[in-house]
Amino acid sequence: QVQLVESGGGLVQAGGSLRLSCRASRSIFFSSMGWFRQAPGKQRELVASITTESRTNYADSVEDRFTISRDNAKNTMYLQMNNLKPEDTAVYYCNVVRFGMTHWGQGTQVTVSS
């Protein structure tokens, strides 16, 4: 079992920035990882993903504003979020697929005020 702990969420004004972190309790070296988000009344959606080779993929709505990265030595994944918009308000979840098993973090709230 892998424990995932997210941090870095909070309240920010539109146009501001936040950096989310997701720290895993085990090595992420062979894991693909991603950030998802879920707004009230909406389905959970993929925001960004990063492969074991650090290839990245982004949702169209966050392209050019968000950057996903990973530090295997620290077992940590990051999401740098710039130029935040009110529609980015959601609970953000860390996701790790490790040896065929999917793990989720508990979520961190991001609220963007207009």
C-alpha atoms as a PDB file:
ATOM      1  CA  GLN A   1       0.000   0.000   0.000  1.00  0.00           C
ATOM      2  CA  VAL A   2       1.203   3.497  -0.865  1.00  0.00           C
ATOM      3  CA  GLN A   3       0.168   6.475   1.224  1.00  0.00           C
ATOM      4  CA  LEU A   4      -0.105   9.779  -0.599  1.00  0.00           C
ATOM      5  CA  VAL A   5      -0.116  13.094   1.236  1.00  0.00           C
ATOM      6  CA  GLU A   6      -1.061  16.242  -0.637  1.00  0.00           C
ATOM      7  CA  SER A   7      -0.307  19.767   0.477  1.00  0.00           C
ATOM      8  CA  GLY A   8      -0.255  23.295  -0.879  1.00  0.00           C
ATOM      9  CA  GLY A   9      -3.914  23.996  -1.447  1.00  0.00           C
ATOM     10  CA  GLY A  10      -5.623  27.122  -0.222  1.00  0.00           C
ATOM     11  CA  LEU A  11      -7.458  30.303  -1.107  1.00  0.00           C
ATOM     12  CA  VAL A  12      -6.022  32.577  -3.778  1.00  0.00           C
ATOM     13  CA  GLN A  13      -7.265  35.457  -5.896  1.00  0.00           C
ATOM     14  CA  ALA A  14      -7.739  35.080  -9.606  1.00  0.00           C
ATOM     15  CA  GLY A  15      -4.422  35.480 -11.393  1.00  0.00           C
ATOM     16  CA  GLY A  16      -2.499  34.113  -8.446  1.00  0.00           C
ATOM     17  CA  SER A  17      -0.383  30.976  -8.089  1.00  0.00           C
ATOM     18  CA  LEU A  18      -0.250  27.875  -5.933  1.00  0.00           C
ATOM     19  CA  ARG A  19       2.074  24.883  -5.842  1.00  0.00           C
ATOM     20  CA  LEU A  20       0.650  21.527  -4.867  1.00  0.00           C
ATOM     21  CA  SER A  21       2.826  18.693  -3.596  1.00  0.00           C
ATOM     22  CA  CYS A  22       2.117  14.986  -3.333  1.00  0.00           C
ATOM     23  CA  ARG A  23       4.509  12.919  -1.272  1.00  0.00           C
ATOM     24  CA  ALA A  24       4.409   9.136  -1.490  1.00  0.00           C
ATOM     25  CA  SER A  25       5.328   6.755   1.312  1.00  0.00           C
ATOM     26  CA  ARG A  26       7.175   4.481  -1.140  1.00  0.00           C
ATOM     27  CA  SER A  27       9.384   4.922  -4.147  1.00  0.00           C
ATOM     28  CA  ILE A  28       7.667   6.431  -7.159  1.00  0.00           C
ATOM     29  CA  PHE A  29      10.503   5.568  -9.535  1.00  0.00           C
ATOM     30  CA  PHE A  30       8.437   3.060 -11.547  1.00  0.00           C
ATOM     31  CA  SER A  31       5.131   4.911 -11.182  1.00  0.00           C
ATOM     32  CA  SER A  32       3.082   7.007 -13.519  1.00  0.00           C
ATOM     33  CA  MET A  33       1.440   9.866 -11.697  1.00  0.00           C
ATOM     34  CA  GLY A  34      -1.187  12.505 -12.161  1.00  0.00           C
ATOM     35  CA  TRP A  35      -3.330  15.214 -10.667  1.00  0.00           C
ATOM     36  CA  PHE A  36      -7.113  15.084 -10.861  1.00  0.00           C
ATOM     37  CA  ARG A  37      -9.685  17.557  -9.631  1.00  0.00           C
ATOM     38  CA  GLN A  38     -13.332  17.479  -8.715  1.00  0.00           C
ATOM     39  CA  ALA A  39     -15.536  20.545  -8.469  1.00  0.00           C
ATOM     40  CA  PRO A  40     -18.899  20.459  -6.652  1.00  0.00           C
ATOM     41  CA  GLY A  41     -21.515  18.690  -8.733  1.00  0.00           C
ATOM     42  CA  LYS A  42     -19.003  17.644 -11.372  1.00  0.00           C
ATOM     43  CA  GLN A  43     -17.127  14.479 -12.212  1.00  0.00           C
ATOM     44  CA  ARG A  44     -13.494  14.026 -11.311  1.00  0.00           C
ATOM     45  CA  GLU A  45     -11.293  15.011 -14.231  1.00  0.00           C
ATOM     46  CA  LEU A  46      -7.654  14.610 -15.182  1.00  0.00           C
ATOM     47  CA  VAL A  47      -5.679  17.835 -14.888  1.00  0.00           C
ATOM     48  CA  ALA A  48      -2.175  16.648 -15.731  1.00  0.00           C
ATOM     49  CA  SER A  49      -0.147  13.470 -15.838  1.00  0.00           C
ATOM     50  CA  ILE A  50       3.524  12.512 -15.926  1.00  0.00           C
ATOM     51  CA  THR A  51       5.054   9.214 -16.945  1.00  0.00           C
ATOM     52  CA  THR A  52       8.050   7.376 -15.534  1.00  0.00           C
ATOM     53  CA  GLU A  53      10.080   9.031 -18.325  1.00  0.00           C
ATOM     54  CA  SER A  54       8.659  12.438 -17.290  1.00  0.00           C
ATOM     55  CA  ARG A  55       6.530  12.833 -20.381  1.00  0.00           C
ATOM     56  CA  THR A  56       3.671  15.149 -19.519  1.00  0.00           C
ATOM     57  CA  ASN A  57       0.090  15.620 -20.604  1.00  0.00           C
ATOM     58  CA  TYR A  58      -2.342  18.390 -19.719  1.00  0.00           C
ATOM     59  CA  ALA A  59      -6.038  19.081 -19.941  1.00  0.00           C
ATOM     60  CA  ASP A  60      -6.774  21.767 -22.510  1.00  0.00           C
ATOM     61  CA  SER A  61      -8.190  24.023 -19.791  1.00  0.00           C
ATOM     62  CA  VAL A  62      -4.858  24.214 -17.916  1.00  0.00           C
ATOM     63  CA  GLU A  63      -2.370  23.996 -20.778  1.00  0.00           C
ATOM     64  CA  ASP A  64       0.234  26.795 -20.547  1.00  0.00           C
ATOM     65  CA  ARG A  65      -0.837  27.665 -16.974  1.00  0.00           C
ATOM     66  CA  PHE A  66      -0.060  24.509 -14.999  1.00  0.00           C
ATOM     67  CA  THR A  67       3.180  22.520 -14.862  1.00  0.00           C
ATOM     68  CA  ILE A  68       3.488  19.004 -13.485  1.00  0.00           C
ATOM     69  CA  SER A  69       6.841  17.656 -12.324  1.00  0.00           C
ATOM     70  CA  ARG A  70       8.322  14.921 -10.198  1.00  0.00           C
ATOM     71  CA  ASP A  71      11.320  14.401  -7.947  1.00  0.00           C
ATOM     72  CA  ASN A  72      11.930  10.676  -7.661  1.00  0.00           C
ATOM     73  CA  ALA A  73      14.611  11.155  -5.005  1.00  0.00           C
ATOM     74  CA  LYS A  74      12.016  12.790  -2.750  1.00  0.00           C
ATOM     75  CA  ASN A  75       9.121  10.526  -3.805  1.00  0.00           C
ATOM     76  CA  THR A  76       7.218  13.699  -4.576  1.00  0.00           C
ATOM     77  CA  MET A  77       5.154  15.074  -7.425  1.00  0.00           C
ATOM     78  CA  TYR A  78       4.306  18.735  -7.891  1.00  0.00           C
ATOM     79  CA  LEU A  79       1.736  20.842  -9.683  1.00  0.00           C
ATOM     80  CA  GLN A  80       2.669  24.462 -10.246  1.00  0.00           C
ATOM     81  CA  MET A  81      -0.506  26.414 -10.970  1.00  0.00           C
ATOM     82  CA  ASN A  82      -0.197  29.926 -12.384  1.00  0.00           C
ATOM     83  CA  ASN A  83      -2.768  32.450 -13.555  1.00  0.00           C
ATOM     84  CA  LEU A  84      -5.458  30.678 -11.575  1.00  0.00           C
ATOM     85  CA  LYS A  85      -9.074  31.210 -12.526  1.00  0.00           C
ATOM     86  CA  PRO A  86     -12.285  30.815 -10.506  1.00  0.00           C
ATOM     87  CA  GLU A  87     -13.139  27.763 -12.626  1.00  0.00           C
ATOM     88  CA  ASP A  88     -10.027  26.060 -11.245  1.00  0.00           C
ATOM     89  CA  THR A  89     -11.751  25.850  -7.858  1.00  0.00           C
ATOM     90  CA  ALA A  90     -11.951  22.187  -6.866  1.00  0.00           C
ATOM     91  CA  VAL A  91     -10.538  19.492  -4.645  1.00  0.00           C
ATOM     92  CA  TYR A  92      -7.293  18.321  -6.214  1.00  0.00           C
ATOM     93  CA  TYR A  93      -6.292  14.677  -5.889  1.00  0.00           C
ATOM     94  CA  CYS A  94      -2.962  13.015  -6.377  1.00  0.00           C
ATOM     95  CA  ASN A  95      -2.976   9.717  -8.285  1.00  0.00           C
ATOM     96  CA  VAL A  96      -0.215   7.147  -8.532  1.00  0.00           C
ATOM     97  CA  VAL A  97      -0.203   3.938 -10.560  1.00  0.00           C
ATOM     98  CA  ARG A  98       2.498   1.685  -9.159  1.00  0.00           C
ATOM     99  CA  PHE A  99       2.999  -1.892 -10.333  1.00  0.00           C
ATOM    100  CA  GLY A 100      -0.523  -1.977 -11.731  1.00  0.00           C
ATOM    101  CA  MET A 101      -2.214  -0.676  -8.591  1.00  0.00           C
ATOM    102  CA  THR A 102      -3.888   2.725  -8.372  1.00  0.00           C
ATOM    103  CA  HIS A 103      -3.549   4.878  -5.302  1.00  0.00           C
ATOM    104  CA  TRP A 104      -5.265   8.166  -4.383  1.00  0.00           C
ATOM    105  CA  GLY A 105      -4.472  10.923  -1.986  1.00  0.00           C
ATOM    106  CA  GLN A 106      -7.037  12.442   0.350  1.00  0.00           C
ATOM    107  CA  GLY A 107      -7.362  15.630  -1.689  1.00  0.00           C
ATOM    108  CA  THR A 108      -6.519  19.259  -1.098  1.00  0.00           C
ATOM    109  CA  GLN A 109      -8.917  22.155  -1.605  1.00  0.00           C
ATOM    110  CA  VAL A 110      -8.064  24.923  -4.048  1.00  0.00           C
ATOM    111  CA  THR A 111     -10.346  27.940  -4.043  1.00  0.00           C
ATOM    112  CA  VAL A 112      -9.884  30.810  -6.484  1.00  0.00           C
ATOM    113  CA  SER A 113     -11.803  33.991  -5.791  1.00  0.00           C
ATOM    114  CA  SER A 114     -12.759  36.435  -8.520  1.00  0.00           C
END
